Structures are given as structure tokens and as C-alpha cells.
Amino acid sequence: MQRYDLRHLKNEFYDRMGELIDKELKSGEVGIFLFEVGDFSSIQKSADFIKASGNDLMNSLKFNEVDWTIVVKKVDKTIAQARINAQKNEESSLTDEEKAE
């Protein structure tokens, strides 16, 4: 388990978090990421970011008044890629009306 403090990056932590997951965490390892919450949109964006990467978001919680913690489990690359492909297939099969919702 690794812990990463990304609060100094403010709302620009996504790329660094992705880099740390890809390069620092081993398959099956858990990373704890601490970031500063601005307008709360970063909470949903971080969850979407992890889902889009094919990894597992295990927990997301408020750490204190301004900070948020997410716990991510890195999955095997083949599993992550299969999840990403499934998400793309799901999105491409949506009708225009469903996409508008």
C-alpha cells in the first residue's frame, strides 16, 4: 500500500495520479491518494478518471474540511484493458437519445 499526497497540485492532480497508478503501483496493490477539494467537482471527476482507467475505486471519503482521500486498487493490465473496451462498447451502443440524457 502506498500513500500519495497530491494536495499541492490543487485541481490539477489527475495526470499525476494516473502516472503514479501506472508506474508506482504494482498489480493488485492499493494506493491512497489525498487531494484538495475545491468546488467538489474533482470528487466525481476522480471517480470517473479511475473508472476510465479500468482500475478499482475502493473508497472515497472526506479527510477533513478541505481534503479528500480516494483508495484505488490497481488491476492487471489485461483486466483494465478489457474494462476500458467494455466501457467504449457500451458507450458506442447508446442511442442519441440515451447520450443526451
N, C-alpha and C. Protein backbone atom coordinates (compact mmCIF):
# COMPACT_ATOMS: atom_id res chain seq x y z
N MET A 1 0.85 -1.17 0.00
CA MET A 1 0.00 0.00 0.00
C MET A 1 0.89 1.23 0.00
N GLN A 2 0.54 2.17 -0.88
CA GLN A 2 1.29 3.41 -0.99
C GLN A 2 0.34 4.58 -0.73
N ARG A 3 0.88 5.64 -0.16
CA ARG A 3 0.09 6.84 0.10
C ARG A 3 0.73 7.99 -0.65
N TYR A 4 -0.10 8.77 -1.34
CA TYR A 4 0.39 9.89 -2.15
C TYR A 4 -0.36 11.15 -1.79
N ASP A 5 0.36 12.19 -1.47
CA ASP A 5 -0.23 13.48 -1.14
C ASP A 5 -0.18 14.36 -2.38
N LEU A 6 -1.34 14.62 -2.98
CA LEU A 6 -1.42 15.42 -4.20
C LEU A 6 -2.08 16.77 -3.95
N ARG A 7 -2.19 17.16 -2.68
CA ARG A 7 -2.86 18.41 -2.34
C ARG A 7 -2.19 19.63 -2.95
N HIS A 8 -0.88 19.59 -3.10
CA HIS A 8 -0.15 20.73 -3.66
C HIS A 8 -0.49 21.00 -5.12
N LEU A 9 -1.10 20.02 -5.79
CA LEU A 9 -1.45 20.17 -7.20
C LEU A 9 -2.82 20.81 -7.41
N LYS A 10 -3.53 21.07 -6.32
CA LYS A 10 -4.88 21.66 -6.36
C LYS A 10 -5.77 20.80 -7.26
N ASN A 11 -6.46 21.39 -8.24
CA ASN A 11 -7.37 20.65 -9.12
C ASN A 11 -6.67 20.01 -10.32
N GLU A 12 -5.37 20.07 -10.37
CA GLU A 12 -4.61 19.53 -11.50
C GLU A 12 -3.89 18.23 -11.12
N PHE A 13 -4.52 17.39 -10.34
CA PHE A 13 -3.87 16.19 -9.83
C PHE A 13 -4.12 14.93 -10.66
N TYR A 14 -5.04 14.97 -11.62
CA TYR A 14 -5.45 13.76 -12.34
C TYR A 14 -4.30 13.10 -13.10
N ASP A 15 -3.54 13.89 -13.85
CA ASP A 15 -2.43 13.32 -14.62
C ASP A 15 -1.40 12.66 -13.71
N ARG A 16 -1.08 13.34 -12.61
CA ARG A 16 -0.09 12.79 -11.67
C ARG A 16 -0.62 11.52 -11.01
N MET A 17 -1.89 11.51 -10.66
CA MET A 17 -2.48 10.32 -10.06
C MET A 17 -2.42 9.15 -11.05
N GLY A 18 -2.76 9.40 -12.30
CA GLY A 18 -2.69 8.36 -13.32
C GLY A 18 -1.27 7.83 -13.51
N GLU A 19 -0.31 8.75 -13.50
CA GLU A 19 1.09 8.36 -13.64
C GLU A 19 1.53 7.49 -12.46
N LEU A 20 1.15 7.87 -11.27
CA LEU A 20 1.52 7.09 -10.08
C LEU A 20 0.88 5.70 -10.11
N ILE A 21 -0.37 5.62 -10.53
CA ILE A 21 -1.03 4.32 -10.63
C ILE A 21 -0.31 3.45 -11.65
N ASP A 22 -0.01 4.02 -12.81
CA ASP A 22 0.64 3.25 -13.88
C ASP A 22 2.06 2.82 -13.53
N LYS A 23 2.83 3.73 -12.94
CA LYS A 23 4.27 3.47 -12.77
C LYS A 23 4.70 3.06 -11.38
N GLU A 24 3.96 3.45 -10.37
CA GLU A 24 4.40 3.18 -9.00
C GLU A 24 3.69 2.01 -8.33
N LEU A 25 2.44 1.79 -8.68
CA LEU A 25 1.70 0.70 -8.05
C LEU A 25 1.87 -0.58 -8.85
N LYS A 26 2.01 -1.68 -8.13
CA LYS A 26 2.06 -3.00 -8.76
C LYS A 26 0.63 -3.51 -8.90
N SER A 27 0.44 -4.44 -9.82
CA SER A 27 -0.88 -5.04 -10.00
C SER A 27 -1.35 -5.64 -8.68
N GLY A 28 -2.58 -5.30 -8.28
CA GLY A 28 -3.13 -5.78 -7.02
C GLY A 28 -2.82 -4.91 -5.82
N GLU A 29 -1.95 -3.92 -6.01
CA GLU A 29 -1.56 -3.04 -4.90
C GLU A 29 -2.56 -1.89 -4.76
N VAL A 30 -2.68 -1.40 -3.56
CA VAL A 30 -3.61 -0.32 -3.25
C VAL A 30 -2.84 0.98 -3.06
N GLY A 31 -3.39 2.06 -3.62
CA GLY A 31 -2.83 3.39 -3.45
C GLY A 31 -3.85 4.29 -2.79
N ILE A 32 -3.39 5.10 -1.87
CA ILE A 32 -4.24 6.08 -1.20
C ILE A 32 -3.81 7.45 -1.70
N PHE A 33 -4.76 8.18 -2.28
CA PHE A 33 -4.47 9.49 -2.86
C PHE A 33 -5.22 10.57 -2.09
N LEU A 34 -4.47 11.54 -1.65
CA LEU A 34 -5.03 12.66 -0.90
C LEU A 34 -4.98 13.89 -1.80
N PHE A 35 -6.13 14.55 -1.99
CA PHE A 35 -6.17 15.75 -2.80
C PHE A 35 -7.07 16.79 -2.17
N GLU A 36 -6.88 18.03 -2.59
CA GLU A 36 -7.66 19.14 -2.04
C GLU A 36 -8.95 19.30 -2.83
N VAL A 37 -10.05 19.44 -2.12
CA VAL A 37 -11.34 19.63 -2.75
C VAL A 37 -11.58 21.12 -2.95
N GLY A 38 -11.87 21.50 -4.17
CA GLY A 38 -12.21 22.89 -4.44
C GLY A 38 -13.72 23.03 -4.46
N ASP A 39 -14.30 22.85 -5.63
CA ASP A 39 -15.75 23.00 -5.78
C ASP A 39 -16.49 21.66 -5.76
N PHE A 40 -15.86 20.63 -5.32
CA PHE A 40 -16.40 19.28 -5.21
C PHE A 40 -16.54 18.56 -6.54
N SER A 41 -16.34 19.24 -7.66
CA SER A 41 -16.41 18.54 -8.94
C SER A 41 -15.26 17.55 -9.09
N SER A 42 -14.15 17.82 -8.41
CA SER A 42 -12.99 16.93 -8.51
C SER A 42 -13.28 15.56 -7.91
N ILE A 43 -14.25 15.46 -7.03
CA ILE A 43 -14.60 14.17 -6.43
C ILE A 43 -15.20 13.25 -7.49
N GLN A 44 -16.19 13.74 -8.22
CA GLN A 44 -16.78 12.92 -9.28
C GLN A 44 -15.79 12.69 -10.41
N LYS A 45 -15.02 13.72 -10.75
CA LYS A 45 -14.03 13.57 -11.82
C LYS A 45 -13.00 12.51 -11.47
N SER A 46 -12.59 12.45 -10.20
CA SER A 46 -11.60 11.44 -9.80
C SER A 46 -12.20 10.04 -9.91
N ALA A 47 -13.46 9.88 -9.53
CA ALA A 47 -14.13 8.58 -9.66
C ALA A 47 -14.24 8.19 -11.13
N ASP A 48 -14.62 9.14 -11.97
CA ASP A 48 -14.71 8.89 -13.41
C ASP A 48 -13.35 8.55 -14.00
N PHE A 49 -12.32 9.24 -13.54
CA PHE A 49 -10.96 9.02 -14.01
C PHE A 49 -10.51 7.59 -13.70
N ILE A 50 -10.77 7.14 -12.48
CA ILE A 50 -10.38 5.78 -12.08
C ILE A 50 -11.16 4.75 -12.89
N LYS A 51 -12.46 4.96 -13.06
CA LYS A 51 -13.27 4.04 -13.85
C LYS A 51 -12.75 3.97 -15.28
N ALA A 52 -12.43 5.11 -15.86
CA ALA A 52 -11.92 5.16 -17.23
C ALA A 52 -10.57 4.46 -17.37
N SER A 53 -9.82 4.38 -16.27
CA SER A 53 -8.51 3.72 -16.32
C SER A 53 -8.63 2.21 -16.19
N GLY A 54 -9.83 1.72 -15.80
CA GLY A 54 -10.05 0.29 -15.65
C GLY A 54 -9.65 -0.25 -14.29
N ASN A 55 -9.24 0.62 -13.38
CA ASN A 55 -8.85 0.19 -12.03
C ASN A 55 -10.05 0.26 -11.09
N ASP A 56 -9.86 -0.20 -9.85
CA ASP A 56 -10.94 -0.27 -8.88
C ASP A 56 -10.87 0.90 -7.89
N LEU A 57 -11.96 1.66 -7.81
CA LEU A 57 -12.10 2.68 -6.78
C LEU A 57 -12.71 1.98 -5.58
N MET A 58 -11.94 1.85 -4.52
CA MET A 58 -12.38 1.08 -3.36
C MET A 58 -13.05 1.94 -2.30
N ASN A 59 -12.66 3.22 -2.23
CA ASN A 59 -13.23 4.09 -1.21
C ASN A 59 -12.99 5.54 -1.60
N SER A 60 -13.87 6.40 -1.17
CA SER A 60 -13.74 7.83 -1.40
C SER A 60 -14.36 8.51 -0.19
N LEU A 61 -13.58 9.30 0.52
CA LEU A 61 -14.12 9.92 1.72
C LEU A 61 -13.47 11.25 2.04
N LYS A 62 -14.22 12.03 2.77
CA LYS A 62 -13.74 13.33 3.20
C LYS A 62 -12.73 13.12 4.32
N PHE A 63 -11.55 13.73 4.16
CA PHE A 63 -10.48 13.56 5.13
C PHE A 63 -10.58 14.61 6.24
N ASN A 64 -10.82 15.83 5.85
CA ASN A 64 -11.06 16.92 6.80
C ASN A 64 -11.87 17.98 6.07
N GLU A 65 -11.84 19.21 6.49
CA GLU A 65 -12.69 20.25 5.87
C GLU A 65 -12.36 20.53 4.41
N VAL A 66 -11.11 20.36 3.99
CA VAL A 66 -10.73 20.72 2.62
C VAL A 66 -10.11 19.58 1.82
N ASP A 67 -9.84 18.46 2.43
CA ASP A 67 -9.13 17.39 1.75
C ASP A 67 -10.01 16.16 1.56
N TRP A 68 -9.71 15.41 0.51
CA TRP A 68 -10.45 14.20 0.17
C TRP A 68 -9.45 13.08 -0.05
N THR A 69 -9.84 11.87 0.29
CA THR A 69 -8.99 10.70 0.10
C THR A 69 -9.73 9.69 -0.77
N ILE A 70 -9.04 9.16 -1.76
CA ILE A 70 -9.59 8.03 -2.51
C ILE A 70 -8.61 6.87 -2.42
N VAL A 71 -9.17 5.69 -2.39
CA VAL A 71 -8.37 4.47 -2.31
C VAL A 71 -8.60 3.71 -3.61
N VAL A 72 -7.51 3.39 -4.29
CA VAL A 72 -7.56 2.77 -5.61
C VAL A 72 -6.76 1.48 -5.59
N LYS A 73 -7.33 0.44 -6.18
CA LYS A 73 -6.61 -0.81 -6.34
C LYS A 73 -6.28 -0.97 -7.81
N LYS A 74 -4.99 -1.12 -8.08
CA LYS A 74 -4.55 -1.31 -9.46
C LYS A 74 -4.85 -2.75 -9.87
N VAL A 75 -5.49 -2.89 -11.02
CA VAL A 75 -5.79 -4.22 -11.53
C VAL A 75 -4.79 -4.58 -12.62
N ASP A 76 -4.76 -5.85 -12.95
CA ASP A 76 -3.89 -6.35 -14.01
C ASP A 76 -4.18 -5.60 -15.31
N LYS A 77 -3.16 -5.35 -16.11
CA LYS A 77 -3.33 -4.58 -17.35
C LYS A 77 -4.35 -5.19 -18.29
N THR A 78 -4.38 -6.51 -18.39
CA THR A 78 -5.34 -7.14 -19.30
C THR A 78 -6.78 -6.95 -18.82
N ILE A 79 -6.98 -7.00 -17.52
CA ILE A 79 -8.32 -6.77 -16.96
C ILE A 79 -8.71 -5.32 -17.16
N ALA A 80 -7.78 -4.40 -16.89
CA ALA A 80 -8.07 -2.97 -17.07
C ALA A 80 -8.42 -2.68 -18.52
N GLN A 81 -7.67 -3.24 -19.46
CA GLN A 81 -7.95 -3.00 -20.87
C GLN A 81 -9.30 -3.58 -21.28
N ALA A 82 -9.63 -4.75 -20.75
CA ALA A 82 -10.94 -5.35 -21.05
C ALA A 82 -12.07 -4.45 -20.53
N ARG A 83 -11.89 -3.88 -19.35
CA ARG A 83 -12.89 -2.97 -18.80
C ARG A 83 -13.04 -1.71 -19.65
N ILE A 84 -11.90 -1.17 -20.07
CA ILE A 84 -11.92 0.04 -20.91
C ILE A 84 -12.65 -0.26 -22.22
N ASN A 85 -12.35 -1.40 -22.84
CA ASN A 85 -13.00 -1.78 -24.09
C ASN A 85 -14.50 -1.97 -23.89
N ALA A 86 -14.89 -2.57 -22.78
CA ALA A 86 -16.31 -2.78 -22.50
C ALA A 86 -17.03 -1.44 -22.32
N GLN A 87 -16.36 -0.49 -21.66
CA GLN A 87 -16.96 0.84 -21.49
C GLN A 87 -17.15 1.52 -22.84
N LYS A 88 -16.15 1.39 -23.71
CA LYS A 88 -16.25 2.00 -25.04
C LYS A 88 -17.38 1.37 -25.84
N ASN A 89 -17.49 0.04 -25.78
CA ASN A 89 -18.56 -0.65 -26.49
C ASN A 89 -19.93 -0.23 -25.96
N GLU A 90 -20.03 -0.09 -24.65
CA GLU A 90 -21.28 0.32 -24.03
C GLU A 90 -21.67 1.73 -24.47
N GLU A 91 -20.69 2.63 -24.49
CA GLU A 91 -20.95 4.00 -24.91
C GLU A 91 -21.34 4.07 -26.39
N SER A 92 -20.69 3.29 -27.23
CA SER A 92 -20.98 3.34 -28.66
C SER A 92 -22.33 2.72 -29.00
N SER A 93 -22.85 1.87 -28.12
CA SER A 93 -24.14 1.24 -28.39
C SER A 93 -25.32 2.08 -27.91
N LEU A 94 -25.06 3.17 -27.21
CA LEU A 94 -26.13 4.05 -26.75
C LEU A 94 -26.75 4.79 -27.94
N THR A 95 -28.04 4.97 -27.90
CA THR A 95 -28.70 5.78 -28.92
C THR A 95 -28.42 7.24 -28.66
N ASP A 96 -28.72 8.09 -29.64
CA ASP A 96 -28.52 9.52 -29.46
C ASP A 96 -29.34 10.07 -28.30
N GLU A 97 -30.55 9.55 -28.12
CA GLU A 97 -31.40 9.99 -27.02
C GLU A 97 -30.79 9.62 -25.67
N GLU A 98 -30.25 8.42 -25.58
CA GLU A 98 -29.63 7.99 -24.32
C GLU A 98 -28.40 8.83 -24.02
N LYS A 99 -27.62 9.19 -25.06
CA LYS A 99 -26.44 10.02 -24.86
C LYS A 99 -26.82 11.40 -24.36
N ALA A 100 -27.95 11.92 -24.83
CA ALA A 100 -28.40 13.25 -24.44
C ALA A 100 -28.80 13.31 -22.98
N GLU A 101 -29.23 12.20 -22.43
CA GLU A 101 -29.65 12.16 -21.01
C GLU A 101 -28.45 12.28 -20.16
